Amino acid sequence: MRLFASLVLLSCVAPVLPSAGLAQEGGEVAFVRIWPQWRTTESFVRISEYFGGEENTGRQTMLRTQPGDRAGFYFLTRTRNPGAARPEAKFILEIIKPDSPRTKTYTFPAVLPAGDHVFNLGLTGTDWTGKDVQPVAWHLQLVDADGHQLASSQSFLWRMPDNGAH
């Protein structure tokens, strides 16, 4: 009986508890998932591009270090923003590449819409050395116009005490 009462109480309280996925600073914005991977130019081409000539990004936002080049190493980043849109956000990507122990930082200005959205953050052109190269470690932040952190994620090796990044 006591177990039954506890389960009933838990079922009433659980829906009002905040989601662990939204427990980022500010309690709002979160990275749902980040997929780092190499992408070819051809992986972005859709049939409509053959007719209209322009890149069709669907409902994703493409942010590239060198906009004229599509091939590169991308961080496909799914965000969740249950609040209002944030027109002056920016992604800050810190990365350690295999050819240097020094941290390289890339900034991607962005409009963060309300709701769920997908961003492709691409290190393209000469900013990435090729399809067989993987980052050693990385750290991605999303900040608002005032520089306050909205969300943050990092690779396993970034957490290592002697990664040279700090």
Protein backbone atom coordinates (compact mmCIF):
# COMPACT_ATOMS: atom_id res chain seq x y z
CA MET A 1 0.00 0.00 0.00
CA ARG A 2 2.81 2.40 0.90
CA LEU A 3 4.52 1.66 -2.45
CA PHE A 4 1.26 2.34 -4.31
CA ALA A 5 0.81 5.71 -2.53
CA SER A 6 4.40 6.67 -3.38
CA LEU A 7 3.90 5.82 -7.05
CA VAL A 8 0.68 7.85 -7.20
CA LEU A 9 2.40 10.84 -5.61
CA LEU A 10 5.37 10.52 -7.98
CA SER A 11 3.09 10.34 -11.02
CA CYS A 12 1.43 13.60 -9.94
CA VAL A 13 4.70 15.43 -9.26
CA ALA A 14 6.84 14.13 -12.16
CA PRO A 15 5.11 16.13 -14.95
CA VAL A 16 5.93 19.44 -13.25
CA LEU A 17 9.61 18.67 -12.66
CA PRO A 18 12.01 20.34 -15.12
CA SER A 19 13.51 18.16 -17.83
CA ALA A 20 17.16 17.26 -17.31
CA GLY A 21 17.81 18.16 -20.96
CA LEU A 22 16.79 21.74 -20.28
CA ALA A 23 18.87 22.14 -17.17
CA GLN A 24 21.35 24.46 -18.90
CA GLU A 25 22.22 27.85 -17.51
CA GLY A 26 19.08 30.01 -17.61
CA GLY A 27 16.91 26.89 -17.64
CA GLU A 28 15.91 27.44 -21.25
CA VAL A 29 18.14 26.68 -24.17
CA ALA A 30 19.80 23.27 -24.62
CA PHE A 31 21.82 21.31 -27.11
CA VAL A 32 19.71 18.24 -27.82
CA ARG A 33 22.45 16.51 -29.79
CA ILE A 34 25.70 17.33 -31.60
CA TRP A 35 27.01 15.16 -34.44
CA PRO A 36 30.56 15.98 -35.58
CA GLN A 37 31.32 14.58 -39.04
CA TRP A 38 32.96 15.21 -42.42
CA ARG A 39 30.55 16.17 -45.22
CA THR A 40 31.17 16.35 -48.94
CA THR A 41 29.87 19.10 -51.21
CA GLU A 42 27.57 16.58 -52.85
CA SER A 43 25.89 15.70 -49.56
CA PHE A 44 24.28 19.15 -49.56
CA VAL A 45 22.96 19.13 -53.12
CA ARG A 46 19.18 18.64 -53.48
CA ILE A 47 17.17 18.21 -56.65
CA SER A 48 15.69 21.71 -56.34
CA GLU A 49 19.18 23.18 -56.64
CA TYR A 50 19.42 21.89 -60.21
CA PHE A 51 16.34 23.94 -61.11
CA GLY A 52 16.78 27.04 -58.97
CA GLY A 53 20.54 27.27 -58.78
CA GLU A 54 20.71 28.17 -55.08
CA GLU A 55 21.46 25.90 -52.15
CA ASN A 56 18.31 24.51 -50.57
CA THR A 57 19.01 24.08 -46.86
CA GLY A 58 15.55 22.86 -45.95
CA ARG A 59 14.78 23.88 -42.41
CA GLN A 60 18.41 23.82 -41.32
CA THR A 61 20.73 26.79 -40.93
CA MET A 62 24.13 26.47 -42.61
CA LEU A 63 26.94 28.44 -41.01
CA ARG A 64 30.35 27.98 -42.63
CA THR A 65 33.77 29.45 -41.94
CA GLN A 66 34.20 29.90 -45.68
CA PRO A 67 30.70 30.25 -47.19
CA GLY A 68 31.89 29.57 -50.74
CA ASP A 69 33.04 26.06 -49.80
CA ARG A 70 30.60 23.35 -48.73
CA ALA A 71 32.93 20.41 -48.09
CA GLY A 72 34.28 20.33 -44.57
CA PHE A 73 34.00 19.12 -41.02
CA TYR A 74 30.58 19.93 -39.58
CA PHE A 75 29.01 20.00 -36.17
CA LEU A 76 25.35 19.25 -36.86
CA THR A 77 23.79 20.83 -33.78
CA ARG A 78 20.17 20.35 -32.75
CA THR A 79 19.03 23.08 -30.36
CA ARG A 80 15.96 23.45 -28.18
CA ASN A 81 14.74 26.93 -27.23
CA PRO A 82 11.41 26.90 -25.40
CA GLY A 83 11.57 30.69 -25.00
CA ALA A 84 11.44 33.56 -27.45
CA ALA A 85 13.76 33.80 -30.45
CA ARG A 86 17.22 35.24 -29.78
CA PRO A 87 18.26 37.29 -32.82
CA GLU A 88 21.86 38.00 -31.78
CA ALA A 89 23.14 34.66 -30.53
CA LYS A 90 26.43 33.11 -31.55
CA PHE A 91 28.08 29.73 -31.47
CA ILE A 92 31.66 29.62 -30.20
CA LEU A 93 33.55 26.50 -31.25
CA GLU A 94 36.91 25.79 -29.67
CA ILE A 95 38.76 22.93 -31.31
CA ILE A 96 42.09 21.16 -31.09
CA LYS A 97 43.20 19.74 -34.43
CA PRO A 98 45.63 16.85 -34.90
CA ASP A 99 48.25 19.11 -36.51
CA SER A 100 48.57 21.49 -33.54
CA PRO A 101 48.08 21.32 -29.76
CA ARG A 102 46.86 24.93 -29.71
CA THR A 103 43.17 25.66 -29.41
CA LYS A 104 41.59 27.32 -32.45
CA THR A 105 38.36 29.29 -31.94
CA TYR A 106 35.64 29.85 -34.53
CA THR A 107 32.61 32.10 -34.03
CA PHE A 108 29.33 31.68 -35.90
CA PRO A 109 26.78 34.52 -35.49
CA ALA A 110 23.25 33.12 -35.57
CA VAL A 111 19.58 33.80 -35.04
CA LEU A 112 18.28 31.23 -32.55
CA PRO A 113 14.60 30.68 -33.31
CA ALA A 114 12.05 29.59 -30.73
CA GLY A 115 11.48 25.83 -30.60
CA ASP A 116 13.74 23.11 -31.98
CA HIS A 117 16.17 23.93 -34.78
CA VAL A 118 19.15 22.37 -36.56
CA PHE A 119 22.36 24.23 -37.32
CA ASN A 120 25.23 22.91 -39.45
CA LEU A 121 28.41 24.59 -38.22
CA GLY A 122 31.03 23.93 -40.88
CA LEU A 123 34.79 24.26 -40.83
CA THR A 124 35.19 24.53 -44.59
CA GLY A 125 37.80 25.31 -47.22
CA THR A 126 41.28 25.75 -45.77
CA ASP A 127 39.88 25.68 -42.23
CA TRP A 128 39.82 21.86 -42.34
CA THR A 129 42.51 19.66 -43.86
CA GLY A 130 40.49 16.75 -45.23
CA LYS A 131 37.89 14.04 -44.90
CA ASP A 132 40.14 11.63 -42.97
CA VAL A 133 41.00 14.16 -40.25
CA GLN A 134 39.13 14.07 -36.94
CA PRO A 135 39.34 16.71 -34.19
CA VAL A 136 41.34 15.76 -31.10
CA ALA A 137 38.95 17.63 -28.80
CA TRP A 138 36.23 20.28 -29.06
CA HIS A 139 34.02 22.54 -26.94
CA LEU A 140 30.88 24.24 -28.28
CA GLN A 141 29.02 27.07 -26.57
CA LEU A 142 25.95 29.04 -27.53
CA VAL A 143 25.89 32.55 -26.07
CA ASP A 144 23.40 35.41 -26.19
CA ALA A 145 24.03 39.00 -27.32
CA ASP A 146 25.48 39.87 -23.89
CA GLY A 147 27.86 36.92 -23.93
CA HIS A 148 25.91 34.87 -21.37
CA GLN A 149 26.17 31.14 -21.96
CA LEU A 150 22.91 29.55 -23.06
CA ALA A 151 24.18 26.03 -23.75
CA SER A 152 27.47 24.16 -23.75
CA SER A 153 28.78 20.76 -24.79
CA GLN A 154 32.20 19.21 -25.23
CA SER A 155 33.96 16.10 -26.39
CA PHE A 156 35.23 13.54 -23.92
CA LEU A 157 38.86 14.54 -24.43
CA TRP A 158 38.08 18.22 -23.81
CA ARG A 159 37.31 17.28 -20.21
CA MET A 160 40.76 15.77 -19.74
CA PRO A 161 42.84 17.90 -17.34
CA ASP A 162 45.85 18.30 -19.63
CA ASN A 163 44.24 18.89 -23.02
CA GLY A 164 46.23 22.10 -23.55
CA ALA A 165 43.08 24.13 -24.06
CA HIS A 166 42.96 25.90 -20.74
